[in-house]
Amino acid sequence: MLFSIITPVYNASKYLKDTISCMLSQTFTDWEWICVDDGSIDDSLIILQEASKLDSRIRIIHQKNEGVSNARNTALKAAQGEWLAFLDADDCVSPDWLKNYAEAISEEVDIVFQGAEVINEKRKETYQLPSSELSITETVFLWQDKYHHMGSAWSKSVRRSTIADNNISFVESINNFEDWVFLITVLCSAKFCKTIQQTEYIYNRPNSILTAKGKSRRSAEATYAIATEWYKAMQPLKIKSLTAYNKLLEYNSLLQIQTIMETYRRKDISKQQRISLLKEIAKYDFIPTKCKLSQKVTNLLFLRKCLNLSDLVLRFWRLA
């Protein structure tokens, strides 16, 4: 079997019939579709069960609500295909979506990226990538500098052995950027990547349901968790490609500063907690390239070797 398609499902009954129709219309037919019902309380599971009666390639796993990353990890463990692809339950794909991936894969490549048609509330945008074979460093620069959607799970197909052999999974402790952290981890183990010009994925941005657990606004704690997991994931790149590491560090540094700024906006965080946070962030590498003026000022006031003074100055500045 060539492809395992992974779909986390949570209360997606409004969209599932269209998604199922898209999958059953694929011109490439060597696939299994693993749908993980993540504790839906609508008719999602019933719709999936009816579809699986019509096509045995549709596999259903039912679990209590654990969140999108857990649901994807459940599917990763169950997958049997040589390659993995990701489809969200509220999105669609054109008939040649899998065919394009199948024609692009080669022995040297571990990740294939494909563009998308992105449907917004008022307009439709096309995310089209250049057609190219890329090193890991080239892939990181293309992603970080130009095509941010490459970080989304739905934008790619990944060789399953790259995932399985390196025990790679989605981080379940964060609720944003988990697919970006996943890609960083995969890139650390991949050899080469490929981008193709086709845009057969149809991303319905206004829907964006996935799974419900843990959805909240970005607090200081949430931003710090993202920064931490991102930082840990990219450490192997220091050896593999320092240039790629530094490029990823640009955005991670922005998350570090955002964490500090959000922390010092709040009055419910004690001095001991603030100092502890500063102590941890002071251990991280830092590049201020993407920081705006207020963020650069915050960084200047973050005296990494004088944390008590740093706390005093930052607190005065944020409260002034």
Protein backbone atom coordinates (compact mmCIF):
# COMPACT_ATOMS: atom_id res chain seq x y z
CA MET A 1 0.00 0.00 0.00
CA LEU A 2 1.45 3.37 -1.00
CA PHE A 3 -0.49 5.94 1.03
CA SER A 4 -2.04 6.20 4.49
CA ILE A 5 -4.18 9.32 4.76
CA ILE A 6 -4.62 10.62 8.31
CA THR A 7 -7.71 12.56 9.37
CA PRO A 8 -8.57 13.61 12.94
CA VAL A 9 -12.33 14.06 13.29
CA TYR A 10 -14.20 16.04 15.90
CA ASN A 11 -17.81 17.18 15.39
CA ALA A 12 -17.28 17.44 11.64
CA SER A 13 -20.66 16.09 10.50
CA LYS A 14 -21.39 19.34 8.63
CA TYR A 15 -18.40 18.78 6.34
CA LEU A 16 -17.65 15.04 6.35
CA LYS A 17 -19.85 14.00 3.45
CA ASP A 18 -18.00 16.37 1.12
CA THR A 19 -14.63 15.20 2.44
CA ILE A 20 -15.61 11.55 1.95
CA SER A 21 -16.81 12.27 -1.58
CA CYS A 22 -13.45 13.88 -2.39
CA MET A 23 -11.50 10.90 -1.11
CA LEU A 24 -13.60 8.38 -2.98
CA SER A 25 -13.04 10.39 -6.19
CA GLN A 26 -9.25 10.04 -6.11
CA THR A 27 -7.78 8.92 -9.43
CA PHE A 28 -4.95 7.17 -7.55
CA THR A 29 -6.46 4.23 -5.71
CA ASP A 30 -3.71 2.52 -3.65
CA TRP A 31 -4.50 4.04 -0.26
CA GLU A 32 -6.05 3.59 3.15
CA TRP A 33 -7.83 6.40 4.95
CA ILE A 34 -7.50 6.37 8.74
CA CYS A 35 -10.18 8.51 10.36
CA VAL A 36 -9.76 8.97 14.11
CA ASP A 37 -13.05 10.06 15.68
CA ASP A 38 -11.84 12.07 18.66
CA GLY A 39 -14.89 11.80 20.90
CA SER A 40 -17.35 13.55 18.57
CA ILE A 41 -20.77 14.30 20.06
CA ASP A 42 -22.49 14.90 16.71
CA ASP A 43 -23.13 12.39 13.88
CA SER A 44 -19.50 12.25 12.69
CA LEU A 45 -18.94 8.64 13.77
CA ILE A 46 -22.20 7.47 12.19
CA ILE A 47 -21.28 9.14 8.88
CA LEU A 48 -17.85 7.53 8.93
CA GLN A 49 -19.28 4.10 9.71
CA GLU A 50 -21.69 4.36 6.79
CA ALA A 51 -18.85 5.36 4.48
CA SER A 52 -16.66 2.46 5.61
CA LYS A 53 -19.44 0.06 4.60
CA LEU A 54 -19.14 1.41 1.05
CA ASP A 55 -15.33 1.29 0.88
CA SER A 56 -13.11 -1.01 2.94
CA ARG A 57 -10.14 1.34 2.51
CA ILE A 58 -11.74 3.63 5.08
CA ARG A 59 -10.57 2.66 8.57
CA ILE A 60 -12.23 4.16 11.65
CA ILE A 61 -10.72 4.49 15.11
CA HIS A 62 -12.91 5.86 17.90
CA GLN A 63 -11.44 7.37 21.07
CA LYS A 64 -12.35 9.84 23.79
CA ASN A 65 -11.55 13.47 23.08
CA GLU A 66 -7.79 13.92 23.44
CA GLY A 67 -7.07 16.68 20.91
CA VAL A 68 -5.82 16.87 17.34
CA SER A 69 -2.20 15.84 18.04
CA ASN A 70 -3.24 12.76 20.00
CA ALA A 71 -5.68 11.80 17.24
CA ARG A 72 -2.97 12.13 14.59
CA ASN A 73 -0.56 10.10 16.72
CA THR A 74 -3.18 7.37 17.05
CA ALA A 75 -3.38 7.24 13.27
CA LEU A 76 0.42 7.26 12.87
CA LYS A 77 0.62 4.10 14.98
CA ALA A 78 -2.07 2.39 12.90
CA ALA A 79 -0.79 3.43 9.45
CA GLN A 80 0.44 0.76 7.06
CA GLY A 81 1.20 2.76 3.91
CA GLU A 82 4.69 3.58 2.66
CA TRP A 83 3.83 7.28 2.67
CA LEU A 84 1.66 9.42 4.94
CA ALA A 85 -0.60 12.28 3.89
CA PHE A 86 -2.83 14.49 6.01
CA LEU A 87 -6.40 15.59 5.32
CA ASP A 88 -8.46 17.66 7.76
CA ALA A 89 -12.08 16.61 8.22
CA ASP A 90 -13.45 19.99 7.12
CA ASP A 91 -11.32 20.27 3.96
CA CYS A 92 -11.45 18.71 0.50
CA VAL A 93 -9.02 17.53 -2.15
CA SER A 94 -9.21 17.44 -5.94
CA PRO A 95 -9.22 14.06 -7.72
CA ASP A 96 -5.50 14.14 -8.58
CA TRP A 97 -4.27 15.06 -5.08
CA LEU A 98 -2.74 11.65 -4.33
CA LYS A 99 -1.75 11.05 -7.94
CA ASN A 100 0.47 14.14 -7.82
CA TYR A 101 2.23 12.84 -4.72
CA ALA A 102 2.63 9.37 -6.23
CA GLU A 103 4.29 10.78 -9.35
CA ALA A 104 6.63 13.00 -7.30
CA ILE A 105 8.07 10.51 -4.82
CA SER A 106 11.52 9.03 -5.38
CA GLU A 107 14.03 6.97 -3.45
CA GLU A 108 16.05 10.02 -2.33
CA VAL A 109 13.12 12.14 -1.13
CA ASP A 110 11.49 11.88 2.32
CA ILE A 111 8.97 14.76 2.14
CA VAL A 112 6.91 16.06 -0.78
CA PHE A 113 5.15 19.41 -0.43
CA GLN A 114 2.08 20.40 -2.44
CA GLY A 115 0.25 23.73 -2.57
CA ALA A 116 -3.41 24.45 -1.95
CA GLU A 117 -6.44 26.47 -2.85
CA VAL A 118 -7.28 28.39 0.32
CA ILE A 119 -10.89 29.44 0.72
CA ASN A 120 -11.39 32.48 2.95
CA GLU A 121 -14.68 34.11 3.89
CA LYS A 122 -14.43 36.74 1.15
CA ARG A 123 -11.97 35.37 -1.41
CA LYS A 124 -9.96 32.39 -2.62
CA GLU A 125 -6.16 32.33 -2.59
CA THR A 126 -3.77 29.98 -4.33
CA TYR A 127 -0.71 28.72 -2.47
CA GLN A 128 1.53 27.47 -5.25
CA LEU A 129 5.05 26.21 -4.68
CA PRO A 130 7.88 26.10 -7.21
CA SER A 131 8.75 22.66 -8.58
CA SER A 132 12.11 21.70 -7.12
CA GLU A 133 14.21 19.16 -5.24
CA LEU A 134 15.65 20.75 -2.11
CA SER A 135 18.18 20.16 0.62
CA ILE A 136 16.99 20.48 4.20
CA THR A 137 18.54 23.94 4.47
CA GLU A 138 16.85 25.10 1.26
CA THR A 139 13.54 23.71 2.50
CA VAL A 140 13.78 25.60 5.80
CA PHE A 141 14.52 28.91 4.04
CA LEU A 142 11.67 28.43 1.54
CA TRP A 143 9.28 27.65 4.42
CA GLN A 144 10.36 30.38 6.81
CA ASP A 145 10.90 33.20 4.30
CA LYS A 146 8.13 32.68 1.75
CA TYR A 147 5.67 29.79 2.10
CA HIS A 148 4.56 29.53 5.73
CA HIS A 149 1.78 27.09 4.82
CA MET A 150 4.49 24.45 4.28
CA GLY A 151 4.43 24.05 8.06
CA SER A 152 0.81 22.87 8.06
CA ALA A 153 0.25 19.12 8.26
CA TRP A 154 -2.03 19.16 5.19
CA SER A 155 0.70 20.57 2.92
CA LYS A 156 2.82 17.47 2.64
CA SER A 157 3.32 13.74 2.25
CA VAL A 158 6.02 12.10 4.39
CA ARG A 159 7.78 8.77 4.02
CA ARG A 160 6.42 6.63 6.89
CA SER A 161 9.75 4.95 7.63
CA THR A 162 11.24 8.38 8.38
CA ILE A 163 8.58 8.78 11.06
CA ALA A 164 8.67 5.23 12.41
CA ASP A 165 12.45 4.75 12.44
CA ASN A 166 12.98 7.96 14.39
CA ASN A 167 9.99 7.66 16.77
CA ILE A 168 8.53 10.95 15.52
CA SER A 169 5.09 12.08 16.67
CA PHE A 170 3.04 15.22 17.14
CA VAL A 171 3.68 17.02 20.43
CA GLU A 172 0.50 16.78 22.51
CA SER A 173 1.37 19.42 25.10
CA ILE A 174 0.80 22.38 22.75
CA ASN A 175 -2.32 23.45 20.87
CA ASN A 176 -0.77 25.78 18.30
CA PHE A 177 2.16 25.25 15.95
CA GLU A 178 2.18 21.53 16.73
CA ASP A 179 2.36 20.80 12.99
CA TRP A 180 5.31 23.20 12.63
CA VAL A 181 7.16 21.43 15.45
CA PHE A 182 6.33 18.11 13.76
CA LEU A 183 7.86 19.32 10.49
CA ILE A 184 11.02 20.51 12.25
CA THR A 185 11.41 17.07 13.81
CA VAL A 186 10.91 15.35 10.46
CA LEU A 187 13.39 17.66 8.73
CA CYS A 188 16.02 16.70 11.31
CA SER A 189 15.74 13.09 10.11
CA ALA A 190 15.05 13.63 6.39
CA LYS A 191 17.56 13.57 3.53
CA PHE A 192 15.95 15.59 0.75
CA CYS A 193 12.59 17.23 0.06
CA LYS A 194 10.62 18.02 -3.06
CA THR A 195 8.08 20.72 -3.85
CA ILE A 196 5.53 20.40 -6.66
CA GLN A 197 3.47 23.10 -8.39
CA GLN A 198 0.06 21.43 -8.14
CA THR A 199 -2.51 22.90 -5.74
CA GLU A 200 -4.98 20.06 -5.28
CA TYR A 201 -5.65 20.50 -1.56
CA ILE A 202 -8.67 22.70 -0.77
CA TYR A 203 -8.24 24.35 2.62
CA ASN A 204 -11.45 25.75 4.08
CA ARG A 205 -10.02 28.32 6.48
CA PRO A 206 -13.38 29.56 7.92
CA ASN A 207 -14.22 26.00 9.05
CA SER A 208 -10.99 25.13 10.90
CA ILE A 209 -12.59 22.80 13.47
CA LEU A 210 -10.22 19.85 13.92
CA THR A 211 -10.60 18.75 17.53
CA ALA A 212 -11.83 20.86 20.37
CA LYS A 213 -9.74 19.98 23.40
CA GLY A 214 -7.41 22.69 24.64
CA LYS A 215 -8.40 25.47 22.26
CA SER A 216 -7.62 28.75 24.00
CA ARG A 217 -6.01 32.11 23.41
CA ARG A 218 -2.24 32.29 23.49
CA SER A 219 -1.25 32.95 27.10
CA ALA A 220 2.31 33.39 28.35
CA GLU A 221 2.30 29.72 29.37
CA ALA A 222 1.07 28.59 25.94
CA THR A 223 3.61 30.73 24.08
CA TYR A 224 6.43 29.48 26.30
CA ALA A 225 5.36 25.87 25.72
CA ILE A 226 5.45 26.40 21.95
CA ALA A 227 8.86 28.11 22.14
CA THR A 228 10.22 25.28 24.30
CA GLU A 229 9.00 22.44 22.09
CA TRP A 230 10.15 24.28 18.97
CA TYR A 231 13.59 24.86 20.50
CA LYS A 232 13.97 21.24 21.57
CA ALA A 233 12.86 19.94 18.16
CA MET A 234 15.41 21.95 16.21
CA GLN A 235 18.50 21.10 18.29
CA PRO A 236 19.67 18.27 15.97
CA LEU A 237 19.86 20.81 13.14
CA LYS A 238 22.77 22.48 14.94
CA ILE A 239 24.90 19.59 13.76
CA LYS A 240 23.08 18.80 10.52
CA SER A 241 22.82 22.37 9.22
CA LEU A 242 23.73 25.36 11.38
CA THR A 243 22.38 27.67 8.67
CA ALA A 244 18.95 26.00 8.85
CA TYR A 245 19.11 26.05 12.65
CA ASN A 246 19.74 29.80 12.72
CA LYS A 247 16.88 30.44 10.31
CA LEU A 248 14.44 28.54 12.56
CA LEU A 249 15.92 30.30 15.58
CA GLU A 250 14.74 33.66 14.19
CA TYR A 251 11.09 32.82 14.78
CA ASN A 252 11.80 30.93 17.98
CA SER A 253 13.49 34.05 19.34
CA LEU A 254 10.33 35.98 18.58
CA LEU A 255 8.34 33.47 20.63
CA GLN A 256 10.81 33.85 23.49
CA ILE A 257 10.31 37.62 23.57
CA GLN A 258 6.53 37.28 23.20
CA THR A 259 6.57 35.02 26.26
CA ILE A 260 8.44 37.61 28.31
CA MET A 261 6.18 40.45 27.18
CA GLU A 262 3.00 38.52 27.95
CA THR A 263 4.39 37.50 31.36
CA TYR A 264 5.12 41.09 32.36
CA ARG A 265 1.69 42.28 31.26
CA ARG A 266 0.12 40.14 33.96
CA LYS A 267 -0.20 40.85 37.66
CA ASP A 268 -0.91 37.30 38.80
CA ILE A 269 2.60 35.94 38.20
CA SER A 270 4.90 36.14 41.21
CA LYS A 271 8.47 37.44 41.16
CA GLN A 272 9.76 33.94 41.82
CA GLN A 273 7.85 32.63 38.79
CA ARG A 274 9.08 35.50 36.61
CA ILE A 275 12.70 34.96 37.62
CA SER A 276 12.36 31.23 37.00
CA LEU A 277 11.03 31.93 33.50
CA LEU A 278 13.81 34.39 32.71
CA LYS A 279 16.37 31.89 33.96
CA GLU A 280 15.10 29.24 31.55
CA ILE A 281 14.85 31.55 28.54
CA ALA A 282 18.36 32.89 29.26
CA LYS A 283 19.67 29.41 28.37
CA TYR A 284 18.28 29.62 24.82
CA ASP A 285 20.15 30.78 21.74
CA PHE A 286 18.70 34.02 20.41
CA ILE A 287 18.62 35.94 17.10
CA PRO A 288 16.59 39.21 17.07
CA THR A 289 16.13 39.41 13.28
CA LYS A 290 12.32 39.18 13.23
CA CYS A 291 11.69 41.27 16.35
CA LYS A 292 9.79 44.55 16.11
CA LEU A 293 10.93 47.67 17.97
CA SER A 294 9.06 46.97 21.24
CA GLN A 295 10.35 43.39 21.16
CA LYS A 296 13.91 44.56 20.58
CA VAL A 297 13.55 46.92 23.54
CA THR A 298 12.31 44.00 25.66
CA ASN A 299 15.34 41.99 24.60
CA LEU A 300 17.70 44.85 25.49
CA LEU A 301 16.11 45.05 28.95
CA PHE A 302 16.43 41.29 29.38
CA LEU A 303 19.79 41.25 31.17
CA ARG A 304 20.56 37.54 30.97
CA LYS A 305 23.36 37.64 33.54
CA CYS A 306 21.49 39.90 36.00
CA LEU A 307 18.06 38.37 36.29
CA ASN A 308 16.88 40.23 39.41
CA LEU A 309 17.75 43.58 37.85
CA SER A 310 16.23 42.40 34.58
CA ASP A 311 12.99 41.55 36.38
CA LEU A 312 12.87 44.98 38.01
CA VAL A 313 13.48 46.86 34.76
CA LEU A 314 11.08 44.75 32.70
CA ARG A 315 8.32 45.04 35.25
CA PHE A 316 8.70 48.84 35.46
CA TRP A 317 8.76 49.15 31.67
CA ARG A 318 5.68 46.99 31.07
CA LEU A 319 3.68 48.71 33.83
CA ALA A 320 4.75 52.27 32.96
